[in-house]
Structure formats: C-alpha cells, structure tokens
Amino acid sequence: MTAIQWSDGAPIYRQLKERVVAMMLDGILKPGDALPSVRQVAAEYQLNPITVSRAYQELADEALVEKRRGLGMYVTEEAARKLLVNERERFLTEEWPLVLERILRLGLSAEELLKVAPAQAGAR
C-alpha cells in the first residue's frame, strides 16, 4: 500500500476501505491478488488491527474480497466489474449533479469543457 493521509471527515476504517477500492479500480490490486495482512497494515499505518479488520470485513461483505482460511484475503474475480458499476452509479447520482450545477453556475459550455479535457487527460 502507499502513504495515506487520514482525514477527520470519515472513520479511518472507511478511508482504508476506500483506498483498497481505489487500488482495485486502478488495477494495482487485481483479481486473485492477496491483500496485505491485517497485522502488516496495522503496523505500517499505526492502526488498531480491529480498524483494519473492519475495513476488510466490509470489503468481504460486498464480495470484493474473499477470506481463504489460513491464507488471508484475496480480491475476487468479479471485484473490478462490481466496483466499476457501483462507482459509476455513485458518480452519476452523487457527484455529477454537483459538478453539473457548478458548470451551469459558471456558464461553461460543452465546447469549453471538451477543449480542456484532452489537455488535462494528457497530463496524467
């Protein structure tokens, strides 16, 4: 895992879960990959192991990872597909309306937005 800046706005277990989800969406964690152990993550980020376990349990409850007795947690085969569907839906229902409202408030046209999009995509 990479360095994480914890914010006060959400519980740490939820922030950790979102970080693992982002790693799955970015292809850093692929189907069949093992998650770092609870102890390893707890030690690396100076977290209570219960906090890490709770994040991992939520991922398991959503069938994004599976527990393999004696081996640890592994990314499921359907995790990437499920996440993409869920994240797209969440973006369209929660984030996009706010973005659209701001676009309209600023009076930006589709042409202006599309003109900047290729330049910003190239900066990635």
N, C-alpha and C. Protein backbone atom coordinates (compact mmCIF):
# COMPACT_ATOMS: atom_id res chain seq x y z
N MET A 1 0.85 -1.18 0.00
CA MET A 1 0.00 0.00 0.00
C MET A 1 0.89 1.24 0.00
N THR A 2 0.28 2.36 -0.27
CA THR A 2 1.03 3.61 -0.34
C THR A 2 0.69 4.50 0.86
N ALA A 3 1.40 5.60 0.98
CA ALA A 3 1.15 6.52 2.09
C ALA A 3 -0.27 7.05 2.04
N ILE A 4 -0.88 7.14 3.20
CA ILE A 4 -2.25 7.60 3.30
C ILE A 4 -2.30 8.76 4.27
N GLN A 5 -2.99 9.82 3.88
CA GLN A 5 -3.26 10.93 4.77
C GLN A 5 -4.68 10.74 5.31
N TRP A 6 -4.81 10.50 6.60
CA TRP A 6 -6.13 10.30 7.19
C TRP A 6 -6.80 11.65 7.40
N SER A 7 -8.07 11.72 7.09
CA SER A 7 -8.81 12.96 7.33
C SER A 7 -9.76 12.75 8.51
N ASP A 8 -10.19 13.85 9.07
CA ASP A 8 -11.12 13.77 10.21
C ASP A 8 -12.56 13.61 9.75
N GLY A 9 -12.80 13.71 8.43
CA GLY A 9 -14.16 13.70 7.91
C GLY A 9 -14.85 12.35 7.87
N ALA A 10 -14.09 11.27 7.98
CA ALA A 10 -14.69 9.93 7.89
C ALA A 10 -13.90 8.98 8.78
N PRO A 11 -14.55 7.91 9.24
CA PRO A 11 -13.82 6.94 10.06
C PRO A 11 -12.63 6.36 9.30
N ILE A 12 -11.57 6.05 10.01
CA ILE A 12 -10.35 5.54 9.38
C ILE A 12 -10.62 4.23 8.66
N TYR A 13 -11.46 3.34 9.22
CA TYR A 13 -11.72 2.07 8.54
C TYR A 13 -12.35 2.31 7.18
N ARG A 14 -13.21 3.33 7.08
CA ARG A 14 -13.85 3.64 5.80
C ARG A 14 -12.84 4.23 4.82
N GLN A 15 -11.94 5.07 5.31
CA GLN A 15 -10.90 5.63 4.45
C GLN A 15 -9.97 4.54 3.94
N LEU A 16 -9.65 3.58 4.81
CA LEU A 16 -8.81 2.46 4.41
C LEU A 16 -9.51 1.62 3.36
N LYS A 17 -10.78 1.35 3.58
CA LYS A 17 -11.57 0.59 2.61
C LYS A 17 -11.58 1.31 1.26
N GLU A 18 -11.80 2.61 1.27
CA GLU A 18 -11.83 3.38 0.01
C GLU A 18 -10.48 3.35 -0.69
N ARG A 19 -9.41 3.32 0.07
CA ARG A 19 -8.07 3.23 -0.53
C ARG A 19 -7.89 1.89 -1.23
N VAL A 20 -8.35 0.81 -0.59
CA VAL A 20 -8.25 -0.52 -1.21
C VAL A 20 -9.13 -0.56 -2.47
N VAL A 21 -10.31 0.02 -2.40
CA VAL A 21 -11.21 0.08 -3.57
C VAL A 21 -10.53 0.84 -4.70
N ALA A 22 -9.88 1.97 -4.39
CA ALA A 22 -9.18 2.75 -5.42
C ALA A 22 -8.07 1.92 -6.04
N MET A 23 -7.36 1.15 -5.24
CA MET A 23 -6.28 0.30 -5.76
C MET A 23 -6.85 -0.77 -6.70
N MET A 24 -8.03 -1.27 -6.40
CA MET A 24 -8.67 -2.25 -7.28
C MET A 24 -9.08 -1.59 -8.60
N LEU A 25 -9.69 -0.42 -8.52
CA LEU A 25 -10.13 0.29 -9.72
C LEU A 25 -8.95 0.71 -10.59
N ASP A 26 -7.84 1.06 -9.96
CA ASP A 26 -6.65 1.49 -10.70
C ASP A 26 -5.84 0.31 -11.23
N GLY A 27 -6.24 -0.92 -10.88
CA GLY A 27 -5.53 -2.10 -11.36
C GLY A 27 -4.29 -2.44 -10.56
N ILE A 28 -4.07 -1.76 -9.45
CA ILE A 28 -2.93 -2.08 -8.60
C ILE A 28 -3.17 -3.42 -7.91
N LEU A 29 -4.41 -3.62 -7.45
CA LEU A 29 -4.83 -4.91 -6.91
C LEU A 29 -5.72 -5.57 -7.95
N LYS A 30 -5.32 -6.73 -8.43
CA LYS A 30 -6.05 -7.43 -9.49
C LYS A 30 -6.76 -8.66 -8.91
N PRO A 31 -7.75 -9.19 -9.64
CA PRO A 31 -8.41 -10.41 -9.17
C PRO A 31 -7.38 -11.50 -8.86
N GLY A 32 -7.55 -12.11 -7.70
CA GLY A 32 -6.65 -13.16 -7.27
C GLY A 32 -5.50 -12.68 -6.41
N ASP A 33 -5.26 -11.37 -6.39
CA ASP A 33 -4.18 -10.82 -5.55
C ASP A 33 -4.57 -10.89 -4.08
N ALA A 34 -3.57 -11.11 -3.25
CA ALA A 34 -3.78 -11.11 -1.80
C ALA A 34 -3.68 -9.69 -1.27
N LEU A 35 -4.55 -9.37 -0.31
CA LEU A 35 -4.43 -8.10 0.39
C LEU A 35 -3.32 -8.26 1.43
N PRO A 36 -2.65 -7.17 1.78
CA PRO A 36 -1.68 -7.26 2.87
C PRO A 36 -2.39 -7.73 4.13
N SER A 37 -1.68 -8.43 4.99
CA SER A 37 -2.31 -8.95 6.21
C SER A 37 -2.77 -7.81 7.11
N VAL A 38 -3.74 -8.11 7.96
CA VAL A 38 -4.25 -7.14 8.92
C VAL A 38 -3.10 -6.63 9.78
N ARG A 39 -2.27 -7.54 10.26
CA ARG A 39 -1.15 -7.14 11.11
C ARG A 39 -0.18 -6.22 10.37
N GLN A 40 0.09 -6.56 9.11
CA GLN A 40 1.03 -5.75 8.32
C GLN A 40 0.50 -4.33 8.13
N VAL A 41 -0.77 -4.20 7.76
CA VAL A 41 -1.37 -2.88 7.54
C VAL A 41 -1.43 -2.11 8.85
N ALA A 42 -1.83 -2.79 9.92
CA ALA A 42 -1.91 -2.14 11.22
C ALA A 42 -0.55 -1.60 11.65
N ALA A 43 0.49 -2.39 11.45
CA ALA A 43 1.83 -1.95 11.84
C ALA A 43 2.32 -0.82 10.94
N GLU A 44 2.10 -0.94 9.65
CA GLU A 44 2.60 0.07 8.70
C GLU A 44 1.97 1.43 8.92
N TYR A 45 0.67 1.46 9.23
CA TYR A 45 -0.04 2.73 9.38
C TYR A 45 -0.35 3.07 10.83
N GLN A 46 0.21 2.30 11.75
CA GLN A 46 0.00 2.50 13.18
C GLN A 46 -1.49 2.57 13.51
N LEU A 47 -2.22 1.55 13.06
CA LEU A 47 -3.65 1.44 13.30
C LEU A 47 -3.93 0.27 14.23
N ASN A 48 -5.08 0.33 14.85
CA ASN A 48 -5.55 -0.79 15.63
C ASN A 48 -5.94 -1.91 14.65
N PRO A 49 -5.51 -3.15 14.90
CA PRO A 49 -5.88 -4.24 13.99
C PRO A 49 -7.40 -4.40 13.81
N ILE A 50 -8.17 -4.01 14.81
CA ILE A 50 -9.64 -4.09 14.69
C ILE A 50 -10.13 -3.12 13.61
N THR A 51 -9.49 -1.97 13.50
CA THR A 51 -9.85 -0.99 12.46
C THR A 51 -9.61 -1.59 11.08
N VAL A 52 -8.46 -2.21 10.89
CA VAL A 52 -8.13 -2.83 9.61
C VAL A 52 -9.09 -3.98 9.33
N SER A 53 -9.37 -4.79 10.35
CA SER A 53 -10.29 -5.92 10.19
C SER A 53 -11.67 -5.45 9.76
N ARG A 54 -12.10 -4.34 10.32
CA ARG A 54 -13.43 -3.82 9.97
C ARG A 54 -13.48 -3.39 8.51
N ALA A 55 -12.42 -2.73 8.04
CA ALA A 55 -12.35 -2.33 6.62
C ALA A 55 -12.38 -3.57 5.73
N TYR A 56 -11.57 -4.56 6.08
CA TYR A 56 -11.51 -5.79 5.29
C TYR A 56 -12.84 -6.53 5.33
N GLN A 57 -13.52 -6.51 6.48
CA GLN A 57 -14.81 -7.20 6.60
C GLN A 57 -15.84 -6.55 5.69
N GLU A 58 -15.84 -5.23 5.61
CA GLU A 58 -16.78 -4.55 4.70
C GLU A 58 -16.51 -4.93 3.25
N LEU A 59 -15.24 -5.04 2.89
CA LEU A 59 -14.90 -5.48 1.53
C LEU A 59 -15.39 -6.90 1.29
N ALA A 60 -15.27 -7.76 2.29
CA ALA A 60 -15.75 -9.14 2.18
C ALA A 60 -17.27 -9.17 2.10
N ASP A 61 -17.94 -8.35 2.90
CA ASP A 61 -19.41 -8.29 2.88
C ASP A 61 -19.94 -7.88 1.51
N GLU A 62 -19.16 -7.07 0.81
CA GLU A 62 -19.56 -6.61 -0.53
C GLU A 62 -19.05 -7.55 -1.62
N ALA A 63 -18.47 -8.68 -1.22
CA ALA A 63 -17.95 -9.70 -2.15
C ALA A 63 -16.85 -9.16 -3.06
N LEU A 64 -16.10 -8.18 -2.56
CA LEU A 64 -14.97 -7.65 -3.31
C LEU A 64 -13.70 -8.43 -3.00
N VAL A 65 -13.66 -8.99 -1.80
CA VAL A 65 -12.57 -9.87 -1.40
C VAL A 65 -13.18 -11.10 -0.76
N GLU A 66 -12.40 -12.17 -0.74
CA GLU A 66 -12.86 -13.40 -0.08
C GLU A 66 -11.81 -13.87 0.91
N LYS A 67 -12.30 -14.44 1.99
CA LYS A 67 -11.40 -14.98 3.01
C LYS A 67 -11.03 -16.39 2.61
N ARG A 68 -9.75 -16.67 2.66
CA ARG A 68 -9.27 -18.04 2.45
C ARG A 68 -8.61 -18.48 3.74
N ARG A 69 -9.25 -19.41 4.39
CA ARG A 69 -8.80 -19.86 5.71
C ARG A 69 -7.31 -20.17 5.72
N GLY A 70 -6.63 -19.52 6.64
CA GLY A 70 -5.20 -19.74 6.81
C GLY A 70 -4.33 -19.03 5.79
N LEU A 71 -4.93 -18.40 4.79
CA LEU A 71 -4.15 -17.74 3.74
C LEU A 71 -4.32 -16.23 3.72
N GLY A 72 -5.50 -15.75 4.11
CA GLY A 72 -5.75 -14.31 4.11
C GLY A 72 -6.91 -13.92 3.22
N MET A 73 -6.90 -12.66 2.80
CA MET A 73 -7.98 -12.10 1.97
C MET A 73 -7.46 -11.91 0.55
N TYR A 74 -8.33 -12.27 -0.40
CA TYR A 74 -7.96 -12.19 -1.82
C TYR A 74 -9.03 -11.44 -2.60
N VAL A 75 -8.60 -10.67 -3.58
CA VAL A 75 -9.52 -9.94 -4.46
C VAL A 75 -10.30 -10.96 -5.29
N THR A 76 -11.63 -10.81 -5.32
CA THR A 76 -12.46 -11.73 -6.08
C THR A 76 -12.38 -11.44 -7.58
N GLU A 77 -12.77 -12.41 -8.38
CA GLU A 77 -12.74 -12.26 -9.84
C GLU A 77 -13.69 -11.16 -10.32
N GLU A 78 -14.84 -11.02 -9.65
CA GLU A 78 -15.82 -10.04 -10.12
C GLU A 78 -15.68 -8.68 -9.45
N ALA A 79 -14.66 -8.48 -8.63
CA ALA A 79 -14.50 -7.22 -7.89
C ALA A 79 -14.41 -6.00 -8.82
N ALA A 80 -13.58 -6.06 -9.83
CA ALA A 80 -13.40 -4.90 -10.72
C ALA A 80 -14.70 -4.53 -11.43
N ARG A 81 -15.42 -5.54 -11.92
CA ARG A 81 -16.69 -5.26 -12.61
C ARG A 81 -17.70 -4.65 -11.64
N LYS A 82 -17.84 -5.23 -10.46
CA LYS A 82 -18.78 -4.71 -9.46
C LYS A 82 -18.44 -3.28 -9.08
N LEU A 83 -17.16 -3.04 -8.85
CA LEU A 83 -16.73 -1.70 -8.44
C LEU A 83 -17.00 -0.68 -9.52
N LEU A 84 -16.71 -1.03 -10.75
CA LEU A 84 -16.93 -0.09 -11.84
C LEU A 84 -18.41 0.28 -11.94
N VAL A 85 -19.27 -0.71 -11.86
CA VAL A 85 -20.72 -0.46 -11.91
C VAL A 85 -21.13 0.42 -10.74
N ASN A 86 -20.70 0.06 -9.53
CA ASN A 86 -21.08 0.82 -8.33
C ASN A 86 -20.52 2.23 -8.34
N GLU A 87 -19.26 2.38 -8.72
CA GLU A 87 -18.64 3.71 -8.72
C GLU A 87 -19.24 4.61 -9.80
N ARG A 88 -19.57 4.05 -10.94
CA ARG A 88 -20.23 4.85 -11.98
C ARG A 88 -21.58 5.33 -11.49
N GLU A 89 -22.34 4.43 -10.87
CA GLU A 89 -23.67 4.79 -10.36
C GLU A 89 -23.55 5.87 -9.29
N ARG A 90 -22.58 5.71 -8.38
CA ARG A 90 -22.38 6.69 -7.32
C ARG A 90 -21.98 8.05 -7.91
N PHE A 91 -21.10 8.03 -8.91
CA PHE A 91 -20.69 9.29 -9.55
C PHE A 91 -21.89 9.99 -10.17
N LEU A 92 -22.70 9.23 -10.91
CA LEU A 92 -23.83 9.83 -11.60
C LEU A 92 -24.91 10.35 -10.65
N THR A 93 -25.09 9.69 -9.52
CA THR A 93 -26.15 10.12 -8.60
C THR A 93 -25.68 11.11 -7.53
N GLU A 94 -24.41 11.04 -7.13
CA GLU A 94 -23.93 11.89 -6.04
C GLU A 94 -23.01 13.01 -6.50
N GLU A 95 -22.04 12.70 -7.33
CA GLU A 95 -21.03 13.70 -7.70
C GLU A 95 -21.43 14.53 -8.92
N TRP A 96 -21.93 13.87 -9.96
CA TRP A 96 -22.23 14.58 -11.20
C TRP A 96 -23.23 15.73 -11.01
N PRO A 97 -24.31 15.55 -10.24
CA PRO A 97 -25.23 16.69 -10.07
C PRO A 97 -24.53 17.93 -9.51
N LEU A 98 -23.58 17.75 -8.61
CA LEU A 98 -22.84 18.88 -8.05
C LEU A 98 -21.92 19.51 -9.09
N VAL A 99 -21.27 18.67 -9.88
CA VAL A 99 -20.39 19.17 -10.94
C VAL A 99 -21.23 19.92 -11.98
N LEU A 100 -22.34 19.34 -12.38
CA LEU A 100 -23.20 19.98 -13.37
C LEU A 100 -23.72 21.32 -12.86
N GLU A 101 -24.11 21.36 -11.61
CA GLU A 101 -24.59 22.61 -11.02
C GLU A 101 -23.51 23.69 -11.10
N ARG A 102 -22.28 23.30 -10.82
CA ARG A 102 -21.17 24.27 -10.86
C ARG A 102 -20.90 24.71 -12.29
N ILE A 103 -20.95 23.78 -13.23
CA ILE A 103 -20.75 24.12 -14.65
C ILE A 103 -21.79 25.14 -15.09
N LEU A 104 -23.04 24.88 -14.73
CA LEU A 104 -24.11 25.80 -15.12
C LEU A 104 -23.96 27.16 -14.44
N ARG A 105 -23.58 27.15 -13.16
CA ARG A 105 -23.40 28.39 -12.43
C ARG A 105 -22.29 29.25 -13.05
N LEU A 106 -21.24 28.59 -13.55
CA LEU A 106 -20.12 29.31 -14.15
C LEU A 106 -20.35 29.64 -15.62
N GLY A 107 -21.43 29.11 -16.18
CA GLY A 107 -21.75 29.41 -17.57
C GLY A 107 -20.80 28.78 -18.56
N LEU A 108 -20.23 27.64 -18.20
CA LEU A 108 -19.29 26.96 -19.11
C LEU A 108 -20.07 26.20 -20.19
N SER A 109 -19.53 26.23 -21.40
CA SER A 109 -20.16 25.50 -22.50
C SER A 109 -19.50 24.14 -22.66
N ALA A 110 -20.18 23.25 -23.36
CA ALA A 110 -19.63 21.92 -23.63
C ALA A 110 -18.33 22.04 -24.42
N GLU A 111 -18.28 22.99 -25.35
CA GLU A 111 -17.08 23.19 -26.16
C GLU A 111 -15.88 23.59 -25.28
N GLU A 112 -16.12 24.47 -24.32
CA GLU A 112 -15.04 24.90 -23.42
C GLU A 112 -14.53 23.72 -22.59
N LEU A 113 -15.46 22.92 -22.11
CA LEU A 113 -15.09 21.77 -21.28
C LEU A 113 -14.33 20.73 -22.10
N LEU A 114 -14.80 20.47 -23.32
CA LEU A 114 -14.15 19.47 -24.15
C LEU A 114 -12.78 19.94 -24.64
N LYS A 115 -12.60 21.25 -24.75
CA LYS A 115 -11.32 21.79 -25.19
C LYS A 115 -10.24 21.55 -24.12
N VAL A 116 -10.61 21.66 -22.85
CA VAL A 116 -9.64 21.47 -21.77
C VAL A 116 -9.44 20.01 -21.42
N ALA A 117 -10.42 19.18 -21.65
CA ALA A 117 -10.35 17.77 -21.25
C ALA A 117 -9.14 17.03 -21.86
N PRO A 118 -8.86 17.14 -23.18
CA PRO A 118 -7.71 16.42 -23.72
C PRO A 118 -6.38 16.88 -23.12
N ALA A 119 -6.25 18.16 -22.84
CA ALA A 119 -5.02 18.68 -22.25
C ALA A 119 -4.81 18.11 -20.85
N GLN A 120 -5.88 18.05 -20.08
CA GLN A 120 -5.77 17.51 -18.72
C GLN A 120 -5.57 16.00 -18.71
N ALA A 121 -6.19 15.31 -19.66
CA ALA A 121 -6.01 13.86 -19.74
C ALA A 121 -4.57 13.52 -20.10
N GLY A 122 -3.94 14.35 -20.91
CA GLY A 122 -2.56 14.13 -21.29
C GLY A 122 -1.59 14.37 -20.15
N ALA A 123 -2.01 15.16 -19.17
CA ALA A 123 -1.15 15.48 -18.02
C ALA A 123 -1.07 14.32 -17.04
N ARG A 124 -1.92 13.35 -17.18
CA ARG A 124 -1.94 12.20 -16.26
C ARG A 124 -0.74 11.35 -16.39
